[in-house]
Amino acid sequence: MAQILVRNIEPETVNRLKLRAKSHHRSLQGEAKLILEEAAEKITWEDAMERARKIRESFGGKKFSDSAALIREDRDR
């Protein structure tokens, strides 16, 4: 398995990662590994469209007004 070394990380960043790792019951290395793995996942166009479809379905067919018209109306006041 490959290894990487990341140099010059700000101490505050390391502290936040340690807190995040602790809250997830992982080591700092385990948390960093998971973050990198998730960031490196390749999302296909089909995956993105499927996610968008699920989000639209979660609104249960509810229609939303045109926000541009509402902004224009508010600015005209």
PDB file of N, CA and C in Angstrom:
ATOM      1  N   MET A   1       0.854  -1.171   0.000  1.00  0.00           N
ATOM      2  CA  MET A   1       0.000   0.000   0.000  1.00  0.00           C
ATOM      3  C   MET A   1       0.902   1.236   0.000  1.00  0.00           C
ATOM      4  N   ALA A   2       0.525   2.249  -0.749  1.00  0.00           N
ATOM      5  CA  ALA A   2       1.324   3.466  -0.868  1.00  0.00           C
ATOM      6  C   ALA A   2       1.199   4.337   0.378  1.00  0.00           C
ATOM      7  N   GLN A   3       2.200   5.179   0.558  1.00  0.00           N
ATOM      8  CA  GLN A   3       2.189   6.137   1.646  1.00  0.00           C
ATOM      9  C   GLN A   3       2.444   7.516   1.071  1.00  0.00           C
ATOM     10  N   ILE A   4       1.896   8.540   1.732  1.00  0.00           N
ATOM     11  CA  ILE A   4       2.169   9.912   1.335  1.00  0.00           C
ATOM     12  C   ILE A   4       2.565  10.702   2.567  1.00  0.00           C
ATOM     13  N   LEU A   5       3.292  11.785   2.337  1.00  0.00           N
ATOM     14  CA  LEU A   5       3.700  12.671   3.404  1.00  0.00           C
ATOM     15  C   LEU A   5       3.236  14.073   3.031  1.00  0.00           C
ATOM     16  N   VAL A   6       2.515  14.705   3.932  1.00  0.00           N
ATOM     17  CA  VAL A   6       2.048  16.071   3.697  1.00  0.00           C
ATOM     18  C   VAL A   6       2.809  16.963   4.667  1.00  0.00           C
ATOM     19  N   ARG A   7       3.560  17.896   4.112  1.00  0.00           N
ATOM     20  CA  ARG A   7       4.393  18.774   4.936  1.00  0.00           C
ATOM     21  C   ARG A   7       3.717  20.122   5.151  1.00  0.00           C
ATOM     22  N   ASN A   8       4.166  20.806   6.193  1.00  0.00           N
ATOM     23  CA  ASN A   8       3.788  22.194   6.469  1.00  0.00           C
ATOM     24  C   ASN A   8       2.288  22.402   6.683  1.00  0.00           C
ATOM     25  N   ILE A   9       1.662  21.496   7.403  1.00  0.00           N
ATOM     26  CA  ILE A   9       0.252  21.664   7.758  1.00  0.00           C
ATOM     27  C   ILE A   9       0.189  22.587   8.972  1.00  0.00           C
ATOM     28  N   GLU A  10      -0.684  23.557   8.909  1.00  0.00           N
ATOM     29  CA  GLU A  10      -0.841  24.505  10.015  1.00  0.00           C
ATOM     30  C   GLU A  10      -1.265  23.750  11.279  1.00  0.00           C
ATOM     31  N   PRO A  11      -0.702  24.127  12.420  1.00  0.00           N
ATOM     32  CA  PRO A  11      -1.068  23.459  13.677  1.00  0.00           C
ATOM     33  C   PRO A  11      -2.572  23.485  13.956  1.00  0.00           C
ATOM     34  N   GLU A  12      -3.239  24.578  13.618  1.00  0.00           N
ATOM     35  CA  GLU A  12      -4.690  24.663  13.844  1.00  0.00           C
ATOM     36  C   GLU A  12      -5.431  23.626  13.000  1.00  0.00           C
ATOM     37  N   THR A  13      -4.950  23.395  11.793  1.00  0.00           N
ATOM     38  CA  THR A  13      -5.560  22.377  10.929  1.00  0.00           C
ATOM     39  C   THR A  13      -5.405  20.996  11.556  1.00  0.00           C
ATOM     40  N   VAL A  14      -4.222  20.716  12.063  1.00  0.00           N
ATOM     41  CA  VAL A  14      -3.976  19.423  12.706  1.00  0.00           C
ATOM     42  C   VAL A  14      -4.872  19.271  13.934  1.00  0.00           C
ATOM     43  N   ASN A  15      -5.008  20.334  14.709  1.00  0.00           N
ATOM     44  CA  ASN A  15      -5.878  20.272  15.892  1.00  0.00           C
ATOM     45  C   ASN A  15      -7.325  19.996  15.509  1.00  0.00           C
ATOM     46  N   ARG A  16      -7.812  20.652  14.447  1.00  0.00           N
ATOM     47  CA  ARG A  16      -9.197  20.403  14.007  1.00  0.00           C
ATOM     48  C   ARG A  16      -9.362  18.973  13.522  1.00  0.00           C
ATOM     49  N   LEU A  17      -8.350  18.462  12.804  1.00  0.00           N
ATOM     50  CA  LEU A  17      -8.413  17.064  12.345  1.00  0.00           C
ATOM     51  C   LEU A  17      -8.416  16.096  13.527  1.00  0.00           C
ATOM     52  N   LYS A  18      -7.621  16.399  14.541  1.00  0.00           N
ATOM     53  CA  LYS A  18      -7.602  15.544  15.737  1.00  0.00           C
ATOM     54  C   LYS A  18      -8.965  15.524  16.420  1.00  0.00           C
ATOM     55  N   LEU A  19      -9.598  16.690  16.525  1.00  0.00           N
ATOM     56  CA  LEU A  19     -10.930  16.756  17.131  1.00  0.00           C
ATOM     57  C   LEU A  19     -11.946  15.979  16.306  1.00  0.00           C
ATOM     58  N   ARG A  20     -11.859  16.143  14.993  1.00  0.00           N
ATOM     59  CA  ARG A  20     -12.772  15.418  14.098  1.00  0.00           C
ATOM     60  C   ARG A  20     -12.558  13.915  14.236  1.00  0.00           C
ATOM     61  N   ALA A  21     -11.298  13.484  14.257  1.00  0.00           N
ATOM     62  CA  ALA A  21     -10.983  12.065  14.399  1.00  0.00           C
ATOM     63  C   ALA A  21     -11.536  11.517  15.713  1.00  0.00           C
ATOM     64  N   LYS A  22     -11.331  12.274  16.769  1.00  0.00           N
ATOM     65  CA  LYS A  22     -11.813  11.827  18.089  1.00  0.00           C
ATOM     66  C   LYS A  22     -13.331  11.677  18.092  1.00  0.00           C
ATOM     67  N   SER A  23     -14.028  12.633  17.457  1.00  0.00           N
ATOM     68  CA  SER A  23     -15.498  12.563  17.442  1.00  0.00           C
ATOM     69  C   SER A  23     -16.003  11.384  16.623  1.00  0.00           C
ATOM     70  N   HIS A  24     -15.184  10.895  15.703  1.00  0.00           N
ATOM     71  CA  HIS A  24     -15.558   9.734  14.881  1.00  0.00           C
ATOM     72  C   HIS A  24     -14.926   8.435  15.398  1.00  0.00           C
ATOM     73  N   HIS A  25     -14.262   8.521  16.554  1.00  0.00           N
ATOM     74  CA  HIS A  25     -13.614   7.351  17.181  1.00  0.00           C
ATOM     75  C   HIS A  25     -12.585   6.725  16.249  1.00  0.00           C
ATOM     76  N   ARG A  26     -11.765   7.601  15.620  1.00  0.00           N
ATOM     77  CA  ARG A  26     -10.693   7.142  14.741  1.00  0.00           C
ATOM     78  C   ARG A  26      -9.388   7.808  15.151  1.00  0.00           C
ATOM     79  N   SER A  27      -8.296   7.251  14.662  1.00  0.00           N
ATOM     80  CA  SER A  27      -7.001   7.893  14.847  1.00  0.00           C
ATOM     81  C   SER A  27      -6.892   9.059  13.865  1.00  0.00           C
ATOM     82  N   LEU A  28      -5.919   9.923  14.105  1.00  0.00           N
ATOM     83  CA  LEU A  28      -5.677  11.026  13.175  1.00  0.00           C
ATOM     84  C   LEU A  28      -5.362  10.482  11.790  1.00  0.00           C
ATOM     85  N   GLN A  29      -4.530   9.450  11.729  1.00  0.00           N
ATOM     86  CA  GLN A  29      -4.189   8.848  10.441  1.00  0.00           C
ATOM     87  C   GLN A  29      -5.420   8.247   9.769  1.00  0.00           C
ATOM     88  N   GLY A  30      -6.251   7.578  10.536  1.00  0.00           N
ATOM     89  CA  GLY A  30      -7.462   6.984   9.973  1.00  0.00           C
ATOM     90  C   GLY A  30      -8.412   8.041   9.436  1.00  0.00           C
ATOM     91  N   GLU A  31      -8.528   9.149  10.155  1.00  0.00           N
ATOM     92  CA  GLU A  31      -9.414  10.230   9.709  1.00  0.00           C
ATOM     93  C   GLU A  31      -8.882  10.862   8.427  1.00  0.00           C
ATOM     94  N   ALA A  32      -7.571  11.134   8.390  1.00  0.00           N
ATOM     95  CA  ALA A  32      -6.968  11.724   7.186  1.00  0.00           C
ATOM     96  C   ALA A  32      -7.108  10.784   6.000  1.00  0.00           C
ATOM     97  N   LYS A  33      -6.922   9.494   6.226  1.00  0.00           N
ATOM     98  CA  LYS A  33      -7.053   8.503   5.151  1.00  0.00           C
ATOM     99  C   LYS A  33      -8.477   8.503   4.593  1.00  0.00           C
ATOM    100  N   LEU A  34      -9.463   8.517   5.470  1.00  0.00           N
ATOM    101  CA  LEU A  34     -10.852   8.519   5.023  1.00  0.00           C
ATOM    102  C   LEU A  34     -11.171   9.784   4.230  1.00  0.00           C
ATOM    103  N   ILE A  35     -10.721  10.936   4.721  1.00  0.00           N
ATOM    104  CA  ILE A  35     -10.960  12.204   4.015  1.00  0.00           C
ATOM    105  C   ILE A  35     -10.358  12.150   2.621  1.00  0.00           C
ATOM    106  N   LEU A  36      -9.127  11.665   2.504  1.00  0.00           N
ATOM    107  CA  LEU A  36      -8.477  11.575   1.197  1.00  0.00           C
ATOM    108  C   LEU A  36      -9.195  10.593   0.274  1.00  0.00           C
ATOM    109  N   GLU A  37      -9.612   9.450   0.811  1.00  0.00           N
ATOM    110  CA  GLU A  37     -10.323   8.461  -0.003  1.00  0.00           C
ATOM    111  C   GLU A  37     -11.643   9.026  -0.527  1.00  0.00           C
ATOM    112  N   GLU A  38     -12.382   9.719   0.340  1.00  0.00           N
ATOM    113  CA  GLU A  38     -13.656  10.298  -0.080  1.00  0.00           C
ATOM    114  C   GLU A  38     -13.442  11.398  -1.119  1.00  0.00           C
ATOM    115  N   ALA A  39     -12.401  12.198  -0.937  1.00  0.00           N
ATOM    116  CA  ALA A  39     -12.119  13.282  -1.882  1.00  0.00           C
ATOM    117  C   ALA A  39     -11.691  12.735  -3.244  1.00  0.00           C
ATOM    118  N   ALA A  40     -11.091  11.573  -3.243  1.00  0.00           N
ATOM    119  CA  ALA A  40     -10.577  11.004  -4.488  1.00  0.00           C
ATOM    120  C   ALA A  40     -11.607  10.163  -5.244  1.00  0.00           C
ATOM    121  N   GLU A  41     -12.777   9.945  -4.649  1.00  0.00           N
ATOM    122  CA  GLU A  41     -13.806   9.154  -5.335  1.00  0.00           C
ATOM    123  C   GLU A  41     -14.195   9.829  -6.638  1.00  0.00           C
ATOM    124  N   LYS A  42     -14.313   9.032  -7.667  1.00  0.00           N
ATOM    125  CA  LYS A  42     -14.719   9.565  -8.960  1.00  0.00           C
ATOM    126  C   LYS A  42     -16.235   9.427  -9.079  1.00  0.00           C
ATOM    127  N   ILE A  43     -16.892  10.542  -9.316  1.00  0.00           N
ATOM    128  CA  ILE A  43     -18.339  10.535  -9.484  1.00  0.00           C
ATOM    129  C   ILE A  43     -18.637  10.637 -10.975  1.00  0.00           C
ATOM    130  N   THR A  44     -19.388   9.695 -11.486  1.00  0.00           N
ATOM    131  CA  THR A  44     -19.744   9.710 -12.899  1.00  0.00           C
ATOM    132  C   THR A  44     -20.923  10.643 -13.124  1.00  0.00           C
ATOM    133  N   TRP A  45     -21.135  11.005 -14.366  1.00  0.00           N
ATOM    134  CA  TRP A  45     -22.275  11.841 -14.740  1.00  0.00           C
ATOM    135  C   TRP A  45     -23.576  11.160 -14.319  1.00  0.00           C
ATOM    136  N   GLU A  46     -23.644   9.867 -14.519  1.00  0.00           N
ATOM    137  CA  GLU A  46     -24.847   9.125 -14.158  1.00  0.00           C
ATOM    138  C   GLU A  46     -25.081   9.168 -12.646  1.00  0.00           C
ATOM    139  N   ASP A  47     -24.002   9.048 -11.867  1.00  0.00           N
ATOM    140  CA  ASP A  47     -24.125   9.132 -10.410  1.00  0.00           C
ATOM    141  C   ASP A  47     -24.658  10.498  -9.991  1.00  0.00           C
ATOM    142  N   ALA A  48     -24.122  11.550 -10.602  1.00  0.00           N
ATOM    143  CA  ALA A  48     -24.555  12.912 -10.267  1.00  0.00           C
ATOM    144  C   ALA A  48     -26.027  13.105 -10.628  1.00  0.00           C
ATOM    145  N   MET A  49     -26.441  12.612 -11.773  1.00  0.00           N
ATOM    146  CA  MET A  49     -27.838  12.744 -12.190  1.00  0.00           C
ATOM    147  C   MET A  49     -28.760  11.958 -11.263  1.00  0.00           C
ATOM    148  N   GLU A  50     -28.308  10.799 -10.823  1.00  0.00           N
ATOM    149  CA  GLU A  50     -29.111   9.989  -9.891  1.00  0.00           C
ATOM    150  C   GLU A  50     -29.260  10.712  -8.552  1.00  0.00           C
ATOM    151  N   ARG A  51     -28.191  11.331  -8.077  1.00  0.00           N
ATOM    152  CA  ARG A  51     -28.271  12.101  -6.834  1.00  0.00           C
ATOM    153  C   ARG A  51     -29.249  13.258  -6.990  1.00  0.00           C
ATOM    154  N   ALA A  52     -29.174  13.950  -8.118  1.00  0.00           N
ATOM    155  CA  ALA A  52     -30.074  15.080  -8.367  1.00  0.00           C
ATOM    156  C   ALA A  52     -31.527  14.606  -8.407  1.00  0.00           C
ATOM    157  N   ARG A  53     -31.770  13.452  -9.032  1.00  0.00           N
ATOM    158  CA  ARG A  53     -33.125  12.895  -9.110  1.00  0.00           C
ATOM    159  C   ARG A  53     -33.656  12.602  -7.707  1.00  0.00           C
ATOM    160  N   LYS A  54     -32.824  12.018  -6.866  1.00  0.00           N
ATOM    161  CA  LYS A  54     -33.247  11.692  -5.501  1.00  0.00           C
ATOM    162  C   LYS A  54     -33.551  12.958  -4.697  1.00  0.00           C
ATOM    163  N   ILE A  55     -32.763  13.987  -4.897  1.00  0.00           N
ATOM    164  CA  ILE A  55     -33.017  15.251  -4.201  1.00  0.00           C
ATOM    165  C   ILE A  55     -34.348  15.836  -4.649  1.00  0.00           C
ATOM    166  N   ARG A  56     -34.598  15.829  -5.970  1.00  0.00           N
ATOM    167  CA  ARG A  56     -35.881  16.342  -6.484  1.00  0.00           C
ATOM    168  C   ARG A  56     -37.039  15.541  -5.916  1.00  0.00           C
ATOM    169  N   GLU A  57     -36.895  14.227  -5.860  1.00  0.00           N
ATOM    170  CA  GLU A  57     -37.953  13.378  -5.307  1.00  0.00           C
ATOM    171  C   GLU A  57     -38.205  13.684  -3.836  1.00  0.00           C
ATOM    172  N   SER A  58     -37.156  14.051  -3.108  1.00  0.00           N
ATOM    173  CA  SER A  58     -37.317  14.320  -1.683  1.00  0.00           C
ATOM    174  C   SER A  58     -38.214  15.527  -1.419  1.00  0.00           C
ATOM    175  N   PHE A  59     -38.398  16.392  -2.423  1.00  0.00           N
ATOM    176  CA  PHE A  59     -39.283  17.538  -2.280  1.00  0.00           C
ATOM    177  C   PHE A  59     -40.737  17.156  -2.528  1.00  0.00           C
ATOM    178  N   GLY A  60     -40.998  15.917  -2.900  1.00  0.00           N
ATOM    179  CA  GLY A  60     -42.359  15.430  -3.065  1.00  0.00           C
ATOM    180  C   GLY A  60     -43.169  16.156  -4.120  1.00  0.00           C
ATOM    181  N   GLY A  61     -42.520  16.610  -5.187  1.00  0.00           N
ATOM    182  CA  GLY A  61     -43.243  17.283  -6.260  1.00  0.00           C
ATOM    183  C   GLY A  61     -43.558  18.737  -5.983  1.00  0.00           C
ATOM    184  N   LYS A  62     -43.107  19.259  -4.855  1.00  0.00           N
ATOM    185  CA  LYS A  62     -43.369  20.648  -4.504  1.00  0.00           C
ATOM    186  C   LYS A  62     -42.703  21.567  -5.535  1.00  0.00           C
ATOM    187  N   LYS A  63     -43.415  22.590  -5.953  1.00  0.00           N
ATOM    188  CA  LYS A  63     -42.906  23.560  -6.912  1.00  0.00           C
ATOM    189  C   LYS A  63     -42.452  24.809  -6.164  1.00  0.00           C
ATOM    190  N   PHE A  64     -41.400  25.407  -6.645  1.00  0.00           N
ATOM    191  CA  PHE A  64     -40.860  26.607  -6.022  1.00  0.00           C
ATOM    192  C   PHE A  64     -40.986  27.774  -6.990  1.00  0.00           C
ATOM    193  N   SER A  65     -41.220  28.952  -6.430  1.00  0.00           N
ATOM    194  CA  SER A  65     -41.371  30.132  -7.277  1.00  0.00           C
ATOM    195  C   SER A  65     -40.017  30.548  -7.852  1.00  0.00           C
ATOM    196  N   ASP A  66     -40.077  31.368  -8.897  1.00  0.00           N
ATOM    197  CA  ASP A  66     -38.872  31.868  -9.540  1.00  0.00           C
ATOM    198  C   ASP A  66     -38.227  32.903  -8.621  1.00  0.00           C
ATOM    199  N   SER A  67     -37.055  32.595  -8.106  1.00  0.00           N
ATOM    200  CA  SER A  67     -36.413  33.497  -7.156  1.00  0.00           C
ATOM    201  C   SER A  67     -36.005  34.816  -7.803  1.00  0.00           C
ATOM    202  N   ALA A  68     -35.709  34.816  -9.099  1.00  0.00           N
ATOM    203  CA  ALA A  68     -35.323  36.064  -9.769  1.00  0.00           C
ATOM    204  C   ALA A  68     -36.471  37.066  -9.718  1.00  0.00           C
ATOM    205  N   ALA A  69     -37.687  36.592  -9.919  1.00  0.00           N
ATOM    206  CA  ALA A  69     -38.846  37.486  -9.870  1.00  0.00           C
ATOM    207  C   ALA A  69     -39.035  38.042  -8.457  1.00  0.00           C
ATOM    208  N   LEU A  70     -38.835  37.211  -7.449  1.00  0.00           N
ATOM    209  CA  LEU A  70     -38.976  37.660  -6.067  1.00  0.00           C
ATOM    210  C   LEU A  70     -37.898  38.691  -5.705  1.00  0.00           C
ATOM    211  N   ILE A  71     -36.702  38.480  -6.167  1.00  0.00           N
ATOM    212  CA  ILE A  71     -35.613  39.430  -5.898  1.00  0.00           C
ATOM    213  C   ILE A  71     -35.905  40.762  -6.580  1.00  0.00           C
ATOM    214  N   ARG A  72     -36.365  40.711  -7.828  1.00  0.00           N
ATOM    215  CA  ARG A  72     -36.693  41.938  -8.560  1.00  0.00           C
ATOM    216  C   ARG A  72     -37.792  42.705  -7.836  1.00  0.00           C
ATOM    217  N   GLU A  73     -38.809  41.985  -7.385  1.00  0.00           N
ATOM    218  CA  GLU A  73     -39.926  42.610  -6.669  1.00  0.00           C
ATOM    219  C   GLU A  73     -39.429  43.283  -5.395  1.00  0.00           C
ATOM    220  N   ASP A  74     -38.543  42.600  -4.665  1.00  0.00           N
ATOM    221  CA  ASP A  74     -38.004  43.150  -3.424  1.00  0.00           C
ATOM    222  C   ASP A  74     -37.146  44.392  -3.697  1.00  0.00           C
ATOM    223  N   ARG A  75     -36.369  44.373  -4.740  1.00  0.00           N
ATOM    224  CA  ARG A  75     -35.506  45.507  -5.073  1.00  0.00           C
ATOM    225  C   ARG A  75     -36.320  46.720  -5.543  1.00  0.00           C
ATOM    226  N   ASP A  76     -37.434  46.450  -6.178  1.00  0.00           N
ATOM    227  CA  ASP A  76     -38.271  47.549  -6.671  1.00  0.00           C
ATOM    228  C   ASP A  76     -38.999  48.282  -5.536  1.00  0.00           C
ATOM    229  N   ARG A  77     -39.097  47.643  -4.367  1.00  0.00           N
ATOM    230  CA  ARG A  77     -39.784  48.272  -3.238  1.00  0.00           C
ATOM    231  C   ARG A  77     -39.012  49.392  -2.647  1.00  0.00           C
TER     232      ARG A  77
END
